[in-house]
Amino acid sequence: MNIKILGAFAAVALLAACADQKSDAAGAGTSHSIVPGSQEDLVANVGDRVFYDFNKSALRADGKATLDKQAAWLKQYASNNVQIAGNCDERGTTEYNLALGQRRANAASSYLKAKGVAAARMTTISYGKDRPTAMGSNEQAWAQNRNATTSVR
C-alpha cells in the first residue's frame, strides 16, 4: 500500500515538473527573445516569403504587402544583406522550374529595389523544385512550394 502512495506522489511530482517546463518553453518562443534584425525577427514580425500562382512569376497583392514590410525592415536594419530564393512546385521539368524560380526571385528583388533597397544588398538564386517547403502532391502543398523566400545573410 505504501508503494502505491509513493508511486502516486511521484507521478504528481513528475507532472508538476513537466508543467513548469512547458510554461518556461512557452515563454521562450515569444518575440521578447528574438534578436532584432535577425532571420527570426524577419520571419516572426515581417514574413520571409511571398507566394505565386501556378506557372506565374508576377507578384500578387499579398506578396507586395509582404515585400513592403520587408523593404521597411531592410531600411531599419541597413547592415543586413539578404538572399532571395525562388522556388517552384514539383510539376514541370528541372530546367523550366529553375528558370521560373529565377524569375520569381528576380520579381521579388526588383520590387524591393523599387522600394529603395540597394541592389548590392540582395542576391538571388533559384532552387526550382529541389527545395520544397511542403511535402505532398496536391494543390495545398504545391501552393506552399511556389514562393520566393528571403533569408538574412
Protein backbone atom coordinates (compact mmCIF):
# COMPACT_ATOMS: atom_id res chain seq x y z
CA MET A 1 0.00 0.00 0.00
CA ASN A 2 2.84 2.43 0.85
CA ILE A 3 4.37 1.72 -2.54
CA LYS A 4 1.14 2.76 -4.27
CA ILE A 5 1.01 6.02 -2.32
CA LEU A 6 4.67 6.75 -3.05
CA GLY A 7 4.05 5.99 -6.73
CA ALA A 8 1.11 8.41 -6.80
CA PHE A 9 3.21 11.16 -5.19
CA ALA A 10 5.99 10.52 -7.69
CA ALA A 11 3.54 10.81 -10.58
CA VAL A 12 2.15 14.09 -9.23
CA ALA A 13 5.67 15.47 -8.76
CA LEU A 14 6.60 14.45 -12.29
CA LEU A 15 3.51 16.12 -13.76
CA ALA A 16 4.22 19.29 -11.80
CA ALA A 17 7.78 19.38 -13.14
CA CYS A 18 6.52 18.92 -16.71
CA ALA A 19 4.02 21.75 -16.27
CA ASP A 20 6.82 24.08 -15.13
CA GLN A 21 8.95 23.18 -18.14
CA LYS A 22 6.04 23.81 -20.53
CA SER A 23 5.44 27.28 -19.12
CA ASP A 24 9.17 28.06 -19.44
CA ALA A 25 9.22 26.79 -23.03
CA ALA A 26 6.13 28.80 -23.92
CA GLY A 27 7.82 31.99 -22.72
CA ALA A 28 11.00 31.21 -24.68
CA GLY A 29 9.20 31.43 -28.02
CA THR A 30 7.83 34.93 -27.58
CA SER A 31 9.07 37.92 -29.53
CA HIS A 32 10.93 39.10 -26.40
CA SER A 33 13.65 36.53 -27.04
CA ILE A 34 14.02 37.28 -30.76
CA VAL A 35 17.08 39.31 -31.66
CA PRO A 36 16.09 42.43 -33.63
CA GLY A 37 17.42 42.31 -37.19
CA SER A 38 17.84 38.52 -37.18
CA GLN A 39 16.32 35.94 -39.52
CA GLU A 40 13.95 35.00 -36.70
CA ASP A 41 12.86 38.64 -36.43
CA LEU A 42 12.21 38.78 -40.18
CA VAL A 43 10.14 35.59 -40.11
CA ALA A 44 8.15 36.42 -36.96
CA ASN A 45 7.49 40.11 -37.47
CA VAL A 46 7.60 40.71 -41.22
CA GLY A 47 7.31 37.48 -43.20
CA ASP A 48 10.09 35.84 -45.18
CA ARG A 49 8.20 34.56 -48.22
CA VAL A 50 5.86 35.59 -50.96
CA PHE A 51 3.71 33.15 -52.90
CA TYR A 52 2.97 32.86 -56.61
CA ASP A 53 0.20 31.47 -58.76
CA PHE A 54 0.76 28.35 -60.86
CA ASN A 55 3.23 28.93 -63.70
CA LYS A 56 3.49 32.64 -62.82
CA SER A 57 6.22 34.96 -61.62
CA ALA A 58 4.06 38.08 -61.30
CA LEU A 59 3.70 39.35 -57.75
CA ARG A 60 0.26 39.06 -56.17
CA ALA A 61 -1.20 41.74 -53.90
CA ASP A 62 -0.41 39.70 -50.75
CA GLY A 63 3.17 39.29 -51.93
CA LYS A 64 3.54 43.02 -52.50
CA ALA A 65 2.26 43.67 -48.99
CA THR A 66 4.87 41.30 -47.55
CA LEU A 67 7.62 42.86 -49.66
CA ASP A 68 6.56 46.35 -48.50
CA LYS A 69 7.13 45.17 -44.92
CA GLN A 70 10.45 43.58 -45.91
CA ALA A 71 11.59 46.83 -47.54
CA ALA A 72 10.79 48.81 -44.38
CA TRP A 73 12.55 46.17 -42.26
CA LEU A 74 15.63 46.25 -44.51
CA LYS A 75 15.75 50.05 -44.25
CA GLN A 76 15.65 49.72 -40.46
CA TYR A 77 18.45 47.14 -40.48
CA ALA A 78 20.67 48.71 -43.12
CA SER A 79 23.64 46.45 -42.38
CA ASN A 80 21.70 43.30 -43.30
CA ASN A 81 22.09 41.70 -46.70
CA VAL A 82 19.60 39.16 -47.99
CA GLN A 83 19.32 36.31 -50.44
CA ILE A 84 16.05 35.78 -52.26
CA ALA A 85 15.47 32.18 -53.34
CA GLY A 86 12.89 31.35 -55.99
CA ASN A 87 11.08 28.04 -55.60
CA CYS A 88 8.56 26.02 -57.60
CA ASP A 89 6.26 23.09 -57.07
CA GLU A 90 7.20 19.63 -58.31
CA ARG A 91 5.43 19.86 -61.65
CA GLY A 92 7.41 20.67 -64.79
CA THR A 93 10.94 19.91 -65.90
CA THR A 94 14.00 20.75 -63.86
CA GLU A 95 15.14 23.31 -66.44
CA TYR A 96 11.74 25.01 -66.64
CA ASN A 97 11.43 25.23 -62.86
CA LEU A 98 14.94 26.63 -62.43
CA ALA A 99 14.10 29.40 -64.90
CA LEU A 100 10.70 30.05 -63.29
CA GLY A 101 12.26 30.12 -59.81
CA GLN A 102 14.80 32.67 -61.03
CA ARG A 103 12.03 34.85 -62.47
CA ARG A 104 10.24 34.69 -59.11
CA ALA A 105 13.36 35.65 -57.17
CA ASN A 106 14.05 38.46 -59.63
CA ALA A 107 10.48 39.76 -59.33
CA ALA A 108 10.80 39.99 -55.54
CA SER A 109 14.25 41.57 -55.79
CA SER A 110 13.10 44.12 -58.37
CA TYR A 111 10.16 45.09 -56.19
CA LEU A 112 12.45 45.63 -53.19
CA LYS A 113 14.81 47.70 -55.36
CA ALA A 114 11.88 49.86 -56.45
CA LYS A 115 11.09 50.39 -52.75
CA GLY A 116 14.60 51.71 -52.11
CA VAL A 117 16.59 48.64 -51.08
CA ALA A 118 20.06 48.78 -52.65
CA ALA A 119 20.70 46.08 -55.24
CA ALA A 120 24.12 45.46 -53.68
CA ARG A 121 22.39 44.17 -50.52
CA MET A 122 20.49 41.43 -52.37
CA THR A 123 21.41 38.27 -54.21
CA THR A 124 19.03 35.91 -55.96
CA ILE A 125 19.11 32.19 -56.56
CA SER A 126 16.71 29.63 -57.96
CA TYR A 127 16.23 26.21 -56.42
CA GLY A 128 13.49 25.27 -58.86
CA LYS A 129 11.65 22.30 -57.42
CA ASP A 130 14.64 21.00 -55.40
CA ARG A 131 13.74 22.52 -52.00
CA PRO A 132 10.04 22.03 -51.28
CA THR A 133 8.72 23.51 -48.05
CA ALA A 134 5.62 21.31 -48.03
CA MET A 135 5.60 17.63 -48.88
CA GLY A 136 2.81 16.21 -50.97
CA SER A 137 1.46 16.07 -54.47
CA ASN A 138 -1.67 18.16 -54.08
CA GLU A 139 -2.71 21.77 -54.57
CA GLN A 140 -2.20 22.66 -50.91
CA ALA A 141 1.45 21.53 -50.97
CA TRP A 142 2.10 22.97 -54.43
CA ALA A 143 0.75 26.39 -53.36
CA GLN A 144 3.20 26.48 -50.44
CA ASN A 145 6.12 25.48 -52.67
CA ARG A 146 5.54 28.27 -55.24
CA ASN A 147 7.41 31.02 -53.39
CA ALA A 148 10.33 33.37 -53.10
CA THR A 149 12.00 33.19 -49.70
CA THR A 150 14.11 35.99 -48.23
CA SER A 151 17.00 34.99 -45.95
CA VAL A 152 19.32 37.23 -43.96
CA ARG A 153 22.98 36.75 -44.97
